[in-house]
Amino acid sequence: MKQSPELPHNTAQEVITIVLADDHTMMREGTRRLLEEDPAFVVVGEAGDGTRAIELCRLLHPDILVLEIAMKGMNGFAAAQTLLAEPGQVPAILVLTGYDQPAYVQTMLRMGIKGYWLKSASGHEIREALHEVAAGKQSLAPDIRQLLAEEDTISLLVEPLTNREREVLQLVVQGLRNGEIAERLHVSVKTVETHLTSLYSKLGVQSRAEAIAFAQKQGLLFERD
């Protein structure tokens, strides 16, 4: 949906444009309906993965990107990292996800996202959060603030990652799949899986998203031997 050319000039200026990124079509449709109950919001694009979200943001220049973390293909961590590292004006990012792990929140906040809310929030709360973000303010759900307040510092790794494990982790952060990582490193997919199993064990995590969050929080992607 685009701005109507019949809108008065001052009303058009108040429109807040949004791109939604979530790999569940029904979730995007529901979120769009909830947001557009507020006439200030116009959803100008929808993406099913991080790669498409980046493309739409570069093409449409929305005010806000509403971003899920776990998506097939390029995930939300990689999409946020890419967009927020670009020069010039980038959209404010509000994460809307089911993940309430403190490490995820801290990682996203370090990158520079403006809001972090859970999908359990009401439509009214999300709309209010988007208004805060559009005004340049930080917006965190109350339960997310509580999680951060209670969070203890995560223990440092006992066993460091090897150079190859860090290479694999870096490519995971970029959103590459196992086959693509294997091709990039000129190894077999089985070898990539072995490296992932090892680094998951060292990081004490069970998924790609958890590994990314932990590694970015601890600065592991910038370590050198």
C-alpha atoms as a PDB file:
ATOM      1  CA  MET A   1       0.000   0.000   0.000  1.00  0.00           C
ATOM      2  CA  LYS A   2       1.285   3.464  -0.850  1.00  0.00           C
ATOM      3  CA  GLN A   3       0.419   6.959   0.241  1.00  0.00           C
ATOM      4  CA  SER A   4      -2.690   8.261  -1.415  1.00  0.00           C
ATOM      5  CA  PRO A   5      -2.031  11.244  -3.692  1.00  0.00           C
ATOM      6  CA  GLU A   6      -5.300  12.776  -2.402  1.00  0.00           C
ATOM      7  CA  LEU A   7      -3.971  13.050   1.162  1.00  0.00           C
ATOM      8  CA  PRO A   8      -3.398  16.639   2.348  1.00  0.00           C
ATOM      9  CA  HIS A   9       0.260  17.554   2.492  1.00  0.00           C
ATOM     10  CA  ASN A  10       0.447  17.738   6.287  1.00  0.00           C
ATOM     11  CA  THR A  11      -1.282  14.342   6.644  1.00  0.00           C
ATOM     12  CA  ALA A  12       1.074  12.711   4.149  1.00  0.00           C
ATOM     13  CA  GLN A  13       4.027  13.885   6.205  1.00  0.00           C
ATOM     14  CA  GLU A  14       2.658  12.049   9.237  1.00  0.00           C
ATOM     15  CA  VAL A  15       2.473   8.674   7.497  1.00  0.00           C
ATOM     16  CA  ILE A  16       4.960   6.143   8.881  1.00  0.00           C
ATOM     17  CA  THR A  17       6.047   3.612   6.262  1.00  0.00           C
ATOM     18  CA  ILE A  18       6.852   0.063   7.320  1.00  0.00           C
ATOM     19  CA  VAL A  19       8.375  -3.082   5.846  1.00  0.00           C
ATOM     20  CA  LEU A  20       7.421  -6.370   7.545  1.00  0.00           C
ATOM     21  CA  ALA A  21       9.923  -9.254   7.549  1.00  0.00           C
ATOM     22  CA  ASP A  22       8.693 -12.639   8.782  1.00  0.00           C
ATOM     23  CA  ASP A  23       8.824 -16.019   7.052  1.00  0.00           C
ATOM     24  CA  HIS A  24       5.271 -16.902   8.136  1.00  0.00           C
ATOM     25  CA  THR A  25       2.767 -15.442   5.682  1.00  0.00           C
ATOM     26  CA  MET A  26      -0.128 -15.575   8.141  1.00  0.00           C
ATOM     27  CA  MET A  27       1.942 -13.733  10.735  1.00  0.00           C
ATOM     28  CA  ARG A  28       2.739 -10.974   8.255  1.00  0.00           C
ATOM     29  CA  GLU A  29      -0.906 -10.689   7.226  1.00  0.00           C
ATOM     30  CA  GLY A  30      -2.066 -10.504  10.833  1.00  0.00           C
ATOM     31  CA  THR A  31       0.588  -7.945  11.759  1.00  0.00           C
ATOM     32  CA  ARG A  32      -0.295  -5.813   8.745  1.00  0.00           C
ATOM     33  CA  ARG A  33      -3.960  -5.751   9.757  1.00  0.00           C
ATOM     34  CA  LEU A  34      -3.101  -4.849  13.359  1.00  0.00           C
ATOM     35  CA  LEU A  35      -0.756  -2.052  12.344  1.00  0.00           C
ATOM     36  CA  GLU A  36      -3.004  -0.537   9.728  1.00  0.00           C
ATOM     37  CA  GLU A  37      -5.771  -0.092  12.294  1.00  0.00           C
ATOM     38  CA  ASP A  38      -3.738   3.055  12.971  1.00  0.00           C
ATOM     39  CA  PRO A  39      -4.034   5.386   9.943  1.00  0.00           C
ATOM     40  CA  ALA A  40      -0.523   6.668  10.611  1.00  0.00           C
ATOM     41  CA  PHE A  41       0.965   3.353   9.489  1.00  0.00           C
ATOM     42  CA  VAL A  42       1.347   2.185   5.914  1.00  0.00           C
ATOM     43  CA  VAL A  43       2.928  -1.216   5.227  1.00  0.00           C
ATOM     44  CA  VAL A  44       4.768  -0.670   1.944  1.00  0.00           C
ATOM     45  CA  GLY A  45       6.393  -4.093   1.638  1.00  0.00           C
ATOM     46  CA  GLU A  46       6.597  -7.623   3.028  1.00  0.00           C
ATOM     47  CA  ALA A  47       9.566  -9.990   3.073  1.00  0.00           C
ATOM     48  CA  GLY A  48       9.833 -13.684   3.850  1.00  0.00           C
ATOM     49  CA  ASP A  49      13.565 -13.640   4.639  1.00  0.00           C
ATOM     50  CA  GLY A  50      16.402 -11.291   5.480  1.00  0.00           C
ATOM     51  CA  THR A  51      17.695 -11.003   1.938  1.00  0.00           C
ATOM     52  CA  ARG A  52      14.350  -9.745   0.654  1.00  0.00           C
ATOM     53  CA  ALA A  53      13.983  -7.445   3.654  1.00  0.00           C
ATOM     54  CA  ILE A  54      17.268  -5.772   2.784  1.00  0.00           C
ATOM     55  CA  GLU A  55      16.246  -5.439  -0.867  1.00  0.00           C
ATOM     56  CA  LEU A  56      12.935  -3.824   0.071  1.00  0.00           C
ATOM     57  CA  CYS A  57      14.560  -1.426   2.531  1.00  0.00           C
ATOM     58  CA  ARG A  58      17.059  -0.300  -0.085  1.00  0.00           C
ATOM     59  CA  LEU A  59      14.312   0.103  -2.669  1.00  0.00           C
ATOM     60  CA  LEU A  60      11.479   1.602  -0.614  1.00  0.00           C
ATOM     61  CA  HIS A  61      13.355   3.453   2.164  1.00  0.00           C
ATOM     62  CA  PRO A  62      10.746   2.711   4.858  1.00  0.00           C
ATOM     63  CA  ASP A  63      10.765   4.523   8.171  1.00  0.00           C
ATOM     64  CA  ILE A  64      10.685   1.256  10.121  1.00  0.00           C
ATOM     65  CA  LEU A  65      11.569  -2.393   9.496  1.00  0.00           C
ATOM     66  CA  VAL A  66       9.599  -4.816  11.682  1.00  0.00           C
ATOM     67  CA  LEU A  67      11.896  -7.826  11.831  1.00  0.00           C
ATOM     68  CA  GLU A  68      11.629 -11.448  12.983  1.00  0.00           C
ATOM     69  CA  ILE A  69      14.853 -13.120  14.119  1.00  0.00           C
ATOM     70  CA  ALA A  70      14.313 -16.724  13.006  1.00  0.00           C
ATOM     71  CA  MET A  71      13.722 -16.883   9.260  1.00  0.00           C
ATOM     72  CA  LYS A  72      14.722 -19.327   6.565  1.00  0.00           C
ATOM     73  CA  GLY A  73      17.610 -18.155   4.423  1.00  0.00           C
ATOM     74  CA  MET A  74      19.140 -14.997   5.866  1.00  0.00           C
ATOM     75  CA  ASN A  75      17.962 -14.567   9.454  1.00  0.00           C
ATOM     76  CA  GLY A  76      17.136 -11.404  11.352  1.00  0.00           C
ATOM     77  CA  PHE A  77      20.563 -11.069  12.949  1.00  0.00           C
ATOM     78  CA  ALA A  78      22.295 -11.000   9.574  1.00  0.00           C
ATOM     79  CA  ALA A  79      19.710  -8.661   8.044  1.00  0.00           C
ATOM     80  CA  ALA A  80      19.975  -6.180  10.912  1.00  0.00           C
ATOM     81  CA  GLN A  81      23.763  -6.341  10.871  1.00  0.00           C
ATOM     82  CA  THR A  82      23.850  -5.655   7.133  1.00  0.00           C
ATOM     83  CA  LEU A  83      21.382  -2.770   7.153  1.00  0.00           C
ATOM     84  CA  LEU A  84      22.742  -1.023  10.227  1.00  0.00           C
ATOM     85  CA  ALA A  85      26.280  -1.136   8.831  1.00  0.00           C
ATOM     86  CA  GLU A  86      25.281   0.673   5.640  1.00  0.00           C
ATOM     87  CA  PRO A  87      26.079   4.362   5.200  1.00  0.00           C
ATOM     88  CA  GLY A  88      23.350   6.973   5.021  1.00  0.00           C
ATOM     89  CA  GLN A  89      19.817   6.785   6.335  1.00  0.00           C
ATOM     90  CA  VAL A  90      18.589   3.322   7.263  1.00  0.00           C
ATOM     91  CA  PRO A  91      15.204   2.315   8.678  1.00  0.00           C
ATOM     92  CA  ALA A  92      14.711   2.070  12.406  1.00  0.00           C
ATOM     93  CA  ILE A  93      14.423  -1.615  13.272  1.00  0.00           C
ATOM     94  CA  LEU A  94      11.860  -3.041  15.657  1.00  0.00           C
ATOM     95  CA  VAL A  95      12.326  -6.747  16.363  1.00  0.00           C
ATOM     96  CA  LEU A  96       9.026  -8.610  16.730  1.00  0.00           C
ATOM     97  CA  THR A  97       9.757 -12.201  17.664  1.00  0.00           C
ATOM     98  CA  GLY A  98       8.952 -15.129  19.913  1.00  0.00           C
ATOM     99  CA  TYR A  99      12.494 -15.265  21.306  1.00  0.00           C
ATOM    100  CA  ASP A 100      12.963 -13.742  24.748  1.00  0.00           C
ATOM    101  CA  GLN A 101      16.538 -14.837  25.427  1.00  0.00           C
ATOM    102  CA  PRO A 102      18.545 -11.947  26.948  1.00  0.00           C
ATOM    103  CA  ALA A 103      21.514 -12.696  24.677  1.00  0.00           C
ATOM    104  CA  TYR A 104      19.330 -12.147  21.613  1.00  0.00           C
ATOM    105  CA  VAL A 105      18.105  -8.805  22.940  1.00  0.00           C
ATOM    106  CA  GLN A 106      21.587  -7.636  23.896  1.00  0.00           C
ATOM    107  CA  THR A 107      23.009  -8.624  20.538  1.00  0.00           C
ATOM    108  CA  MET A 108      20.318  -6.748  18.652  1.00  0.00           C
ATOM    109  CA  LEU A 109      20.658  -3.667  20.851  1.00  0.00           C
ATOM    110  CA  ARG A 110      24.424  -3.619  20.284  1.00  0.00           C
ATOM    111  CA  MET A 111      23.795  -3.608  16.564  1.00  0.00           C
ATOM    112  CA  GLY A 112      21.610  -0.539  16.941  1.00  0.00           C
ATOM    113  CA  ILE A 113      18.009  -1.749  16.687  1.00  0.00           C
ATOM    114  CA  LYS A 114      15.458   0.581  18.271  1.00  0.00           C
ATOM    115  CA  GLY A 115      12.824  -1.789  19.618  1.00  0.00           C
ATOM    116  CA  TYR A 116      12.399  -5.367  20.826  1.00  0.00           C
ATOM    117  CA  TRP A 117       8.933  -6.826  21.413  1.00  0.00           C
ATOM    118  CA  LEU A 118       7.462 -10.297  21.647  1.00  0.00           C
ATOM    119  CA  LYS A 119       4.653 -11.634  19.479  1.00  0.00           C
ATOM    120  CA  SER A 120       2.601 -12.191  22.627  1.00  0.00           C
ATOM    121  CA  ALA A 121       2.136  -8.404  22.892  1.00  0.00           C
ATOM    122  CA  SER A 122      -1.211  -6.844  22.008  1.00  0.00           C
ATOM    123  CA  GLY A 123      -1.800  -4.937  18.800  1.00  0.00           C
ATOM    124  CA  HIS A 124      -2.164  -1.727  20.814  1.00  0.00           C
ATOM    125  CA  GLU A 125       1.220  -2.273  22.472  1.00  0.00           C
ATOM    126  CA  ILE A 126       2.942  -2.900  19.153  1.00  0.00           C
ATOM    127  CA  ARG A 127       1.396   0.193  17.585  1.00  0.00           C
ATOM    128  CA  GLU A 128       2.528   2.290  20.547  1.00  0.00           C
ATOM    129  CA  ALA A 129       6.013   0.794  20.255  1.00  0.00           C
ATOM    130  CA  LEU A 130       6.181   1.734  16.585  1.00  0.00           C
ATOM    131  CA  HIS A 131       5.211   5.309  17.371  1.00  0.00           C
ATOM    132  CA  GLU A 132       8.033   5.437  19.924  1.00  0.00           C
ATOM    133  CA  VAL A 133      10.530   4.058  17.432  1.00  0.00           C
ATOM    134  CA  ALA A 134       9.343   6.448  14.725  1.00  0.00           C
ATOM    135  CA  ALA A 135       9.983   9.299  17.160  1.00  0.00           C
ATOM    136  CA  GLY A 136      13.571   8.125  17.594  1.00  0.00           C
ATOM    137  CA  LYS A 137      13.023   6.558  20.997  1.00  0.00           C
ATOM    138  CA  GLN A 138      14.006   3.102  22.178  1.00  0.00           C
ATOM    139  CA  SER A 139      11.069   0.769  22.823  1.00  0.00           C
ATOM    140  CA  LEU A 140      11.421  -2.435  24.835  1.00  0.00           C
ATOM    141  CA  ALA A 141       8.604  -4.628  26.071  1.00  0.00           C
ATOM    142  CA  PRO A 142       8.250  -4.578  29.884  1.00  0.00           C
ATOM    143  CA  ASP A 143       9.088  -8.274  30.128  1.00  0.00           C
ATOM    144  CA  ILE A 144      12.188  -7.712  27.972  1.00  0.00           C
ATOM    145  CA  ARG A 145      13.330  -4.924  30.282  1.00  0.00           C
ATOM    146  CA  GLN A 146      12.839  -7.259  33.221  1.00  0.00           C
ATOM    147  CA  LEU A 147      14.872  -9.995  31.520  1.00  0.00           C
ATOM    148  CA  LEU A 148      17.741  -7.597  30.919  1.00  0.00           C
ATOM    149  CA  ALA A 149      17.613  -6.370  34.504  1.00  0.00           C
ATOM    150  CA  GLU A 150      17.920  -9.934  35.779  1.00  0.00           C
ATOM    151  CA  GLU A 151      20.534 -11.048  33.292  1.00  0.00           C
ATOM    152  CA  ASP A 152      23.893 -12.086  34.691  1.00  0.00           C
ATOM    153  CA  THR A 153      27.033 -11.834  32.622  1.00  0.00           C
ATOM    154  CA  ILE A 154      27.418 -14.914  30.440  1.00  0.00           C
ATOM    155  CA  SER A 155      30.513 -16.940  31.280  1.00  0.00           C
ATOM    156  CA  LEU A 156      33.397 -16.758  28.870  1.00  0.00           C
ATOM    157  CA  LEU A 157      34.222 -19.835  26.831  1.00  0.00           C
ATOM    158  CA  VAL A 158      36.431 -22.410  28.496  1.00  0.00           C
ATOM    159  CA  GLU A 159      37.579 -23.819  25.181  1.00  0.00           C
ATOM    160  CA  PRO A 160      38.227 -21.359  22.314  1.00  0.00           C
ATOM    161  CA  LEU A 161      36.972 -21.872  18.790  1.00  0.00           C
ATOM    162  CA  THR A 162      39.421 -22.910  16.112  1.00  0.00           C
ATOM    163  CA  ASN A 163      40.063 -20.639  13.118  1.00  0.00           C
ATOM    164  CA  ARG A 164      37.918 -22.900  10.946  1.00  0.00           C
ATOM    165  CA  GLU A 165      35.056 -22.903  13.474  1.00  0.00           C
ATOM    166  CA  ARG A 166      35.138 -19.105  13.551  1.00  0.00           C
ATOM    167  CA  GLU A 167      35.039 -19.062   9.747  1.00  0.00           C
ATOM    168  CA  VAL A 168      31.982 -21.319   9.776  1.00  0.00           C
ATOM    169  CA  LEU A 169      30.330 -19.179  12.452  1.00  0.00           C
ATOM    170  CA  GLN A 170      30.959 -15.996  10.485  1.00  0.00           C
ATOM    171  CA  LEU A 171      29.253 -17.490   7.445  1.00  0.00           C
ATOM    172  CA  VAL A 172      26.343 -18.650   9.584  1.00  0.00           C
ATOM    173  CA  VAL A 173      25.936 -15.054  10.787  1.00  0.00           C
ATOM    174  CA  GLN A 174      25.814 -13.957   7.146  1.00  0.00           C
ATOM    175  CA  GLY A 175      22.850 -16.278   6.649  1.00  0.00           C
ATOM    176  CA  LEU A 176      24.540 -18.960   4.539  1.00  0.00           C
ATOM    177  CA  ARG A 177      23.199 -22.499   4.616  1.00  0.00           C
ATOM    178  CA  ASN A 178      25.385 -25.538   5.206  1.00  0.00           C
ATOM    179  CA  GLY A 179      25.730 -26.296   1.495  1.00  0.00           C
ATOM    180  CA  GLU A 180      26.710 -22.708   0.747  1.00  0.00           C
ATOM    181  CA  ILE A 181      29.240 -22.718   3.587  1.00  0.00           C
ATOM    182  CA  ALA A 182      30.739 -25.943   2.262  1.00  0.00           C
ATOM    183  CA  GLU A 183      31.092 -24.426  -1.184  1.00  0.00           C
ATOM    184  CA  ARG A 184      32.654 -21.244   0.172  1.00  0.00           C
ATOM    185  CA  LEU A 185      35.204 -23.133   2.280  1.00  0.00           C
ATOM    186  CA  HIS A 186      35.790 -25.892  -0.298  1.00  0.00           C
ATOM    187  CA  VAL A 187      34.838 -28.652   2.130  1.00  0.00           C
ATOM    188  CA  SER A 188      32.034 -31.204   2.314  1.00  0.00           C
ATOM    189  CA  VAL A 189      28.662 -30.519   3.886  1.00  0.00           C
ATOM    190  CA  LYS A 190      29.471 -33.275   6.398  1.00  0.00           C
ATOM    191  CA  THR A 191      32.589 -31.366   7.436  1.00  0.00           C
ATOM    192  CA  VAL A 192      30.531 -28.209   7.949  1.00  0.00           C
ATOM    193  CA  GLU A 193      28.066 -30.142  10.100  1.00  0.00           C
ATOM    194  CA  THR A 194      30.965 -31.492  12.172  1.00  0.00           C
ATOM    195  CA  HIS A 195      32.284 -27.961  12.739  1.00  0.00           C
ATOM    196  CA  LEU A 196      28.817 -26.758  13.714  1.00  0.00           C
ATOM    197  CA  THR A 197      28.378 -29.599  16.200  1.00  0.00           C
ATOM    198  CA  SER A 198      31.726 -28.759  17.760  1.00  0.00           C
ATOM    199  CA  LEU A 199      31.140 -25.014  18.030  1.00  0.00           C
ATOM    200  CA  TYR A 200      27.601 -25.522  19.375  1.00  0.00           C
ATOM    201  CA  SER A 201      29.115 -27.664  22.126  1.00  0.00           C
ATOM    202  CA  LYS A 202      31.789 -25.073  22.919  1.00  0.00           C
ATOM    203  CA  LEU A 203      29.275 -22.229  22.986  1.00  0.00           C
ATOM    204  CA  GLY A 204      26.750 -24.211  25.000  1.00  0.00           C
ATOM    205  CA  VAL A 205      23.955 -23.548  22.498  1.00  0.00           C
ATOM    206  CA  GLN A 206      21.561 -25.705  20.498  1.00  0.00           C
ATOM    207  CA  SER A 207      20.684 -23.678  17.400  1.00  0.00           C
ATOM    208  CA  ARG A 208      22.098 -21.349  14.761  1.00  0.00           C
ATOM    209  CA  ALA A 209      20.251 -18.359  16.211  1.00  0.00           C
ATOM    210  CA  GLU A 210      21.585 -19.041  19.724  1.00  0.00           C
ATOM    211  CA  ALA A 211      25.125 -19.454  18.377  1.00  0.00           C
ATOM    212  CA  ILE A 212      24.912 -16.126  16.537  1.00  0.00           C
ATOM    213  CA  ALA A 213      23.572 -14.293  19.568  1.00  0.00           C
ATOM    214  CA  PHE A 214      26.197 -15.740  21.909  1.00  0.00           C
ATOM    215  CA  ALA A 215      29.093 -15.203  19.513  1.00  0.00           C
ATOM    216  CA  GLN A 216      28.210 -11.606  18.762  1.00  0.00           C
ATOM    217  CA  LYS A 217      27.718 -10.808  22.426  1.00  0.00           C
ATOM    218  CA  GLN A 218      31.131 -12.230  23.308  1.00  0.00           C
ATOM    219  CA  GLY A 219      32.894 -10.722  20.270  1.00  0.00           C
ATOM    220  CA  LEU A 220      33.995 -14.133  19.056  1.00  0.00           C
ATOM    221  CA  LEU A 221      33.760 -13.152  15.402  1.00  0.00           C
ATOM    222  CA  PHE A 222      36.566 -10.667  15.901  1.00  0.00           C
ATOM    223  CA  GLU A 223      38.999 -12.897  17.754  1.00  0.00           C
ATOM    224  CA  ARG A 224      42.325 -13.724  16.138  1.00  0.00           C
ATOM    225  CA  ASP A 225      44.962 -16.246  17.139  1.00  0.00           C
END
